[in-house]
N, C-alpha and C. Protein backbone atom coordinates (compact mmCIF):
# COMPACT_ATOMS: atom_id res chain seq x y z
N MET A 1 -12.71 -42.55 -5.34
CA MET A 1 -12.85 -43.94 -4.92
C MET A 1 -11.55 -44.71 -4.82
N ARG A 2 -11.28 -45.12 -3.78
CA ARG A 2 -9.99 -45.84 -3.52
C ARG A 2 -10.34 -47.33 -3.70
N LEU A 3 -9.43 -47.93 -4.34
CA LEU A 3 -9.35 -49.32 -4.67
C LEU A 3 -8.38 -50.09 -3.74
N LYS A 4 -7.05 -49.51 -3.52
CA LYS A 4 -6.15 -50.35 -2.75
C LYS A 4 -5.30 -49.05 -2.24
N GLU A 5 -4.66 -49.28 -1.22
CA GLU A 5 -3.55 -48.27 -0.76
C GLU A 5 -2.48 -49.07 0.23
N ILE A 6 -1.37 -48.37 0.12
CA ILE A 6 -0.26 -48.72 1.00
C ILE A 6 0.19 -47.58 1.79
N GLN A 7 0.43 -47.56 3.08
CA GLN A 7 1.00 -46.52 3.86
C GLN A 7 2.35 -46.39 3.65
N ARG A 8 2.81 -45.93 2.69
CA ARG A 8 4.35 -45.79 2.52
C ARG A 8 4.79 -44.63 1.79
N THR A 9 5.80 -44.07 2.03
CA THR A 9 6.51 -42.85 1.07
C THR A 9 7.59 -43.69 0.38
N ALA A 10 7.29 -43.75 -0.93
CA ALA A 10 8.23 -44.71 -1.82
C ALA A 10 8.00 -44.20 -3.27
N HIS A 11 9.15 -44.73 -4.15
CA HIS A 11 9.06 -44.71 -5.53
C HIS A 11 8.57 -45.81 -6.00
N GLN A 12 7.63 -45.76 -7.04
CA GLN A 12 6.82 -46.91 -7.49
C GLN A 12 7.09 -47.34 -8.99
N ALA A 13 6.90 -48.68 -9.24
CA ALA A 13 6.90 -49.24 -10.55
C ALA A 13 5.85 -50.26 -10.62
N TRP A 14 5.24 -50.27 -11.68
CA TRP A 14 4.17 -51.36 -11.95
C TRP A 14 4.70 -52.35 -12.87
N SER A 15 4.13 -53.59 -12.66
CA SER A 15 4.44 -54.82 -13.58
C SER A 15 3.89 -54.46 -14.69
N PRO A 16 4.43 -55.14 -16.01
CA PRO A 16 3.84 -54.72 -17.31
C PRO A 16 2.32 -55.15 -17.50
N ALA A 17 1.70 -54.34 -18.32
CA ALA A 17 0.24 -54.33 -18.42
C ALA A 17 -0.29 -55.74 -18.71
N GLY A 18 0.33 -56.55 -19.48
CA GLY A 18 -0.15 -57.89 -19.73
C GLY A 18 0.26 -59.00 -18.79
N HIS A 19 0.93 -58.50 -17.78
CA HIS A 19 1.40 -59.53 -16.73
C HIS A 19 0.36 -59.59 -15.78
N HIS A 20 -0.08 -60.96 -15.39
CA HIS A 20 -1.09 -61.21 -14.16
C HIS A 20 -0.48 -62.31 -13.36
N PRO A 21 -0.62 -62.09 -12.01
CA PRO A 21 -1.21 -61.25 -11.33
C PRO A 21 -0.52 -59.79 -11.57
N ILE A 22 -1.03 -58.64 -11.05
CA ILE A 22 -0.46 -57.24 -11.17
C ILE A 22 0.39 -57.04 -9.86
N TYR A 23 1.65 -56.68 -10.05
CA TYR A 23 2.59 -56.38 -8.95
C TYR A 23 3.10 -54.96 -9.00
N LEU A 24 3.21 -54.34 -7.76
CA LEU A 24 3.69 -53.09 -7.56
C LEU A 24 4.90 -53.15 -6.73
N ALA A 25 6.00 -52.58 -7.40
CA ALA A 25 7.25 -52.49 -6.61
C ALA A 25 7.55 -51.20 -6.14
N LEU A 26 7.79 -51.12 -4.80
CA LEU A 26 7.97 -49.86 -4.10
C LEU A 26 9.43 -49.79 -3.62
N GLY A 27 10.24 -48.80 -3.72
CA GLY A 27 11.49 -48.56 -3.17
C GLY A 27 11.34 -47.34 -2.11
N THR A 28 11.54 -47.63 -0.90
CA THR A 28 11.51 -46.67 0.07
C THR A 28 12.94 -46.12 0.37
N SER A 29 13.03 -45.03 0.85
CA SER A 29 14.31 -44.39 1.01
C SER A 29 14.62 -44.23 2.58
N ALA A 30 15.73 -44.56 2.99
CA ALA A 30 16.20 -44.24 4.29
C ALA A 30 15.95 -42.85 4.58
N GLN A 31 15.70 -42.48 5.90
CA GLN A 31 15.61 -41.05 6.38
C GLN A 31 14.35 -40.52 6.13
N GLN A 32 13.44 -41.08 5.36
CA GLN A 32 12.06 -40.72 5.08
C GLN A 32 11.05 -41.49 6.06
N LEU A 33 10.54 -40.71 6.91
CA LEU A 33 9.68 -41.11 7.92
C LEU A 33 8.29 -41.46 7.31
N ASP A 34 7.84 -42.68 7.52
CA ASP A 34 6.61 -43.04 7.01
C ASP A 34 5.46 -43.29 8.04
N ALA A 35 4.25 -43.75 7.92
CA ALA A 35 3.27 -43.85 8.90
C ALA A 35 3.65 -44.72 10.02
N SER A 36 4.46 -45.79 9.60
CA SER A 36 5.02 -46.72 10.82
C SER A 36 6.28 -46.36 11.64
N PHE A 37 6.84 -44.97 11.25
CA PHE A 37 7.93 -44.37 11.76
C PHE A 37 9.11 -45.21 11.51
N ASN A 38 9.09 -46.08 10.34
CA ASN A 38 10.38 -46.74 9.99
C ASN A 38 11.23 -45.75 9.03
N THR A 39 12.57 -45.91 9.33
CA THR A 39 13.31 -44.99 8.53
C THR A 39 14.42 -45.85 7.87
N THR A 40 14.15 -47.16 7.61
CA THR A 40 15.07 -48.04 6.72
C THR A 40 14.72 -47.95 5.30
N ALA A 41 15.59 -48.28 4.48
CA ALA A 41 15.40 -48.42 2.88
C ALA A 41 15.13 -49.70 2.63
N ALA A 42 14.16 -49.91 1.69
CA ALA A 42 13.81 -51.34 1.22
C ALA A 42 13.10 -51.42 -0.09
N LEU A 43 13.41 -52.51 -0.82
CA LEU A 43 12.51 -52.72 -1.94
C LEU A 43 11.47 -53.54 -1.72
N GLU A 44 10.16 -53.45 -1.89
CA GLU A 44 8.95 -54.28 -1.56
C GLU A 44 8.24 -54.45 -2.67
N ILE A 45 7.65 -55.79 -2.83
CA ILE A 45 6.82 -56.16 -4.00
C ILE A 45 5.45 -56.45 -3.47
N PHE A 46 4.37 -55.84 -3.87
CA PHE A 46 3.00 -56.13 -3.48
C PHE A 46 2.16 -56.61 -4.52
N GLU A 47 1.33 -57.42 -4.34
CA GLU A 47 0.24 -57.92 -5.38
C GLU A 47 -1.10 -57.14 -5.36
N MET A 48 -1.52 -56.72 -6.50
CA MET A 48 -2.63 -56.01 -6.49
C MET A 48 -3.94 -57.03 -6.89
N ASP A 49 -4.73 -57.26 -5.89
CA ASP A 49 -5.87 -58.31 -6.03
C ASP A 49 -7.18 -57.65 -5.81
N PHE A 50 -7.83 -57.27 -7.09
CA PHE A 50 -9.03 -56.45 -7.13
C PHE A 50 -10.30 -57.46 -6.57
N SER A 51 -10.16 -58.84 -6.46
CA SER A 51 -11.14 -59.61 -5.92
C SER A 51 -11.23 -59.45 -4.51
N ASP A 52 -10.33 -59.15 -3.87
CA ASP A 52 -10.25 -58.78 -2.30
C ASP A 52 -10.79 -57.34 -2.22
N PRO A 53 -11.87 -57.20 -1.35
CA PRO A 53 -12.61 -55.99 -1.21
C PRO A 53 -11.92 -54.94 -0.18
N SER A 54 -10.85 -55.55 0.48
CA SER A 54 -10.09 -54.60 1.38
C SER A 54 -9.24 -53.53 0.74
N LEU A 55 -8.81 -52.59 1.41
CA LEU A 55 -7.83 -51.50 0.82
C LEU A 55 -6.57 -52.18 0.77
N ASP A 56 -6.31 -53.20 1.42
CA ASP A 56 -4.81 -53.62 1.56
C ASP A 56 -4.37 -54.25 0.48
N MET A 57 -2.98 -54.24 0.20
CA MET A 57 -2.27 -55.13 -0.90
C MET A 57 -1.45 -56.20 -0.17
N GLU A 58 -1.33 -57.39 -0.54
CA GLU A 58 -0.46 -58.38 0.12
C GLU A 58 0.89 -58.09 -0.28
N LEU A 59 1.78 -57.98 0.76
CA LEU A 59 3.24 -58.08 0.59
C LEU A 59 3.64 -59.38 0.25
N LYS A 60 4.29 -59.40 -1.09
CA LYS A 60 4.82 -60.69 -1.57
C LYS A 60 6.34 -60.91 -1.21
N GLY A 61 7.13 -59.80 -0.97
CA GLY A 61 8.39 -59.88 -0.55
C GLY A 61 9.14 -58.45 -0.40
N SER A 62 10.17 -58.54 0.52
CA SER A 62 10.80 -57.29 1.12
C SER A 62 12.19 -57.54 1.06
N LEU A 63 13.03 -56.54 0.67
CA LEU A 63 14.41 -56.77 0.73
C LEU A 63 15.13 -55.47 1.25
N PRO A 64 15.51 -55.59 2.59
CA PRO A 64 15.96 -54.36 3.22
C PRO A 64 17.40 -54.13 2.49
N THR A 65 17.74 -52.73 2.43
CA THR A 65 18.99 -52.47 1.77
C THR A 65 19.70 -51.43 2.63
N SER A 66 20.91 -51.28 2.68
CA SER A 66 21.69 -50.21 3.19
C SER A 66 21.89 -49.14 2.29
N ASN A 67 21.55 -49.17 1.04
CA ASN A 67 21.65 -47.91 0.05
C ASN A 67 20.38 -47.09 0.22
N ARG A 68 20.65 -45.75 -0.09
CA ARG A 68 19.51 -44.96 0.14
C ARG A 68 18.69 -44.95 -1.31
C-alpha cells in the first residue's frame, strides 16, 4: 500500500521523529536521468501530509546546485 510517492532518483533524509510537520530532504545527482528527464542536481524539501489522500508530496523548497 502506497501512502506517498515522489518520482525522483535521489538520496533521502527524514526530519527527526518528533518534528512536525514531517519533511523529506532529497538530494538528486547530476547525470542521473529521472522520470522527468531532468539531469541537474538539486536539494529538495518535501512535506509529508497524511491528511491529504493523494500520493503527491508538496514541494516546500528546491535549491539547484552545480555540485554532483
